[in-house]
Amino acid sequence: MAAKFDRCRCSGLKFTQINDHAQALHTTSIKRLKRELEMGMYCSACVPYLKEMFKTGQTVFTETDEVTP
């Protein structure tokens, strides 16, 4: 079974929660969301997934998904 990525590992926030917050703020700024939510602050592994989420609306990814860093 492929690994599932659906949250920021550092903060534990699910991508759906981050997306809801971004929509409420009318932003797709990763920098602003990092400040507001204190996510993606350490390893930044979620950043490529967040960028893809803002492009496609997808909030759950697997290791086989092609996500550009």
Protein backbone atom coordinates (compact mmCIF):
# COMPACT_ATOMS: atom_id res chain seq x y z
CA MET A 1 0.00 0.00 0.00
CA ALA A 2 1.34 3.44 -0.95
CA ALA A 3 2.10 5.93 1.81
CA LYS A 4 -0.52 8.66 2.21
CA PHE A 5 0.37 12.32 2.65
CA ASP A 6 -2.53 14.43 3.92
CA ARG A 7 -0.97 16.72 6.50
CA CYS A 8 1.98 18.83 7.56
CA ARG A 9 4.28 16.56 9.54
CA CYS A 10 5.57 19.41 11.71
CA SER A 11 2.23 20.83 12.86
CA GLY A 12 -0.06 17.84 12.31
CA LEU A 13 -2.52 20.07 10.43
CA LYS A 14 -4.35 18.28 7.63
CA PHE A 15 -4.15 19.79 4.17
CA THR A 16 -7.94 20.20 4.28
CA GLN A 17 -7.58 22.40 7.38
CA ILE A 18 -4.81 24.43 5.76
CA ASN A 19 -6.90 24.82 2.60
CA ASP A 20 -9.93 25.98 4.60
CA HIS A 21 -7.79 28.57 6.39
CA ALA A 22 -6.26 29.73 3.11
CA GLN A 23 -9.72 30.17 1.60
CA ALA A 24 -10.90 32.15 4.63
CA LEU A 25 -7.87 34.45 4.23
CA HIS A 26 -8.23 34.57 0.42
CA THR A 27 -4.58 33.58 0.04
CA THR A 28 -2.39 30.90 -1.49
CA SER A 29 0.76 32.38 0.04
CA ILE A 30 2.73 29.57 1.65
CA LYS A 31 4.80 32.18 3.50
CA ARG A 32 1.69 33.75 5.05
CA LEU A 33 0.20 30.39 5.97
CA LYS A 34 3.46 29.35 7.62
CA ARG A 35 3.24 32.47 9.80
CA GLU A 36 -0.49 32.17 10.51
CA LEU A 37 -0.62 28.42 11.19
CA GLU A 38 2.96 27.66 12.25
CA MET A 39 3.09 24.82 9.76
CA GLY A 40 5.88 23.84 7.38
CA MET A 41 8.33 25.51 9.73
CA TYR A 42 10.89 22.75 10.16
CA CYS A 43 11.17 20.16 7.42
CA SER A 44 9.08 21.93 4.71
CA ALA A 45 8.20 18.52 3.22
CA CYS A 46 4.58 19.66 2.89
CA VAL A 47 5.36 22.70 0.72
CA PRO A 48 5.31 20.92 -2.68
CA TYR A 49 2.03 19.24 -1.70
CA LEU A 50 0.53 22.56 -0.64
CA LYS A 51 1.52 24.13 -3.96
CA GLU A 52 -0.14 21.22 -5.77
CA MET A 53 -3.20 21.53 -3.52
CA PHE A 54 -3.61 25.18 -4.49
CA LYS A 55 -3.31 24.27 -8.18
CA THR A 56 -5.62 21.25 -8.21
CA GLY A 57 -7.66 21.17 -5.00
CA GLN A 58 -6.26 17.74 -4.16
CA THR A 59 -5.72 17.29 -0.40
CA VAL A 60 -4.55 13.68 -0.15
CA PHE A 61 -1.46 12.48 -1.98
CA THR A 62 0.36 9.17 -2.29
CA GLU A 63 4.02 8.46 -2.94
CA THR A 64 3.13 7.68 -6.56
CA ASP A 65 1.66 11.15 -7.20
CA GLU A 66 3.94 13.40 -9.22
CA VAL A 67 4.44 16.56 -7.21
CA THR A 68 7.03 19.11 -8.27
CA PRO A 69 9.20 20.41 -5.40
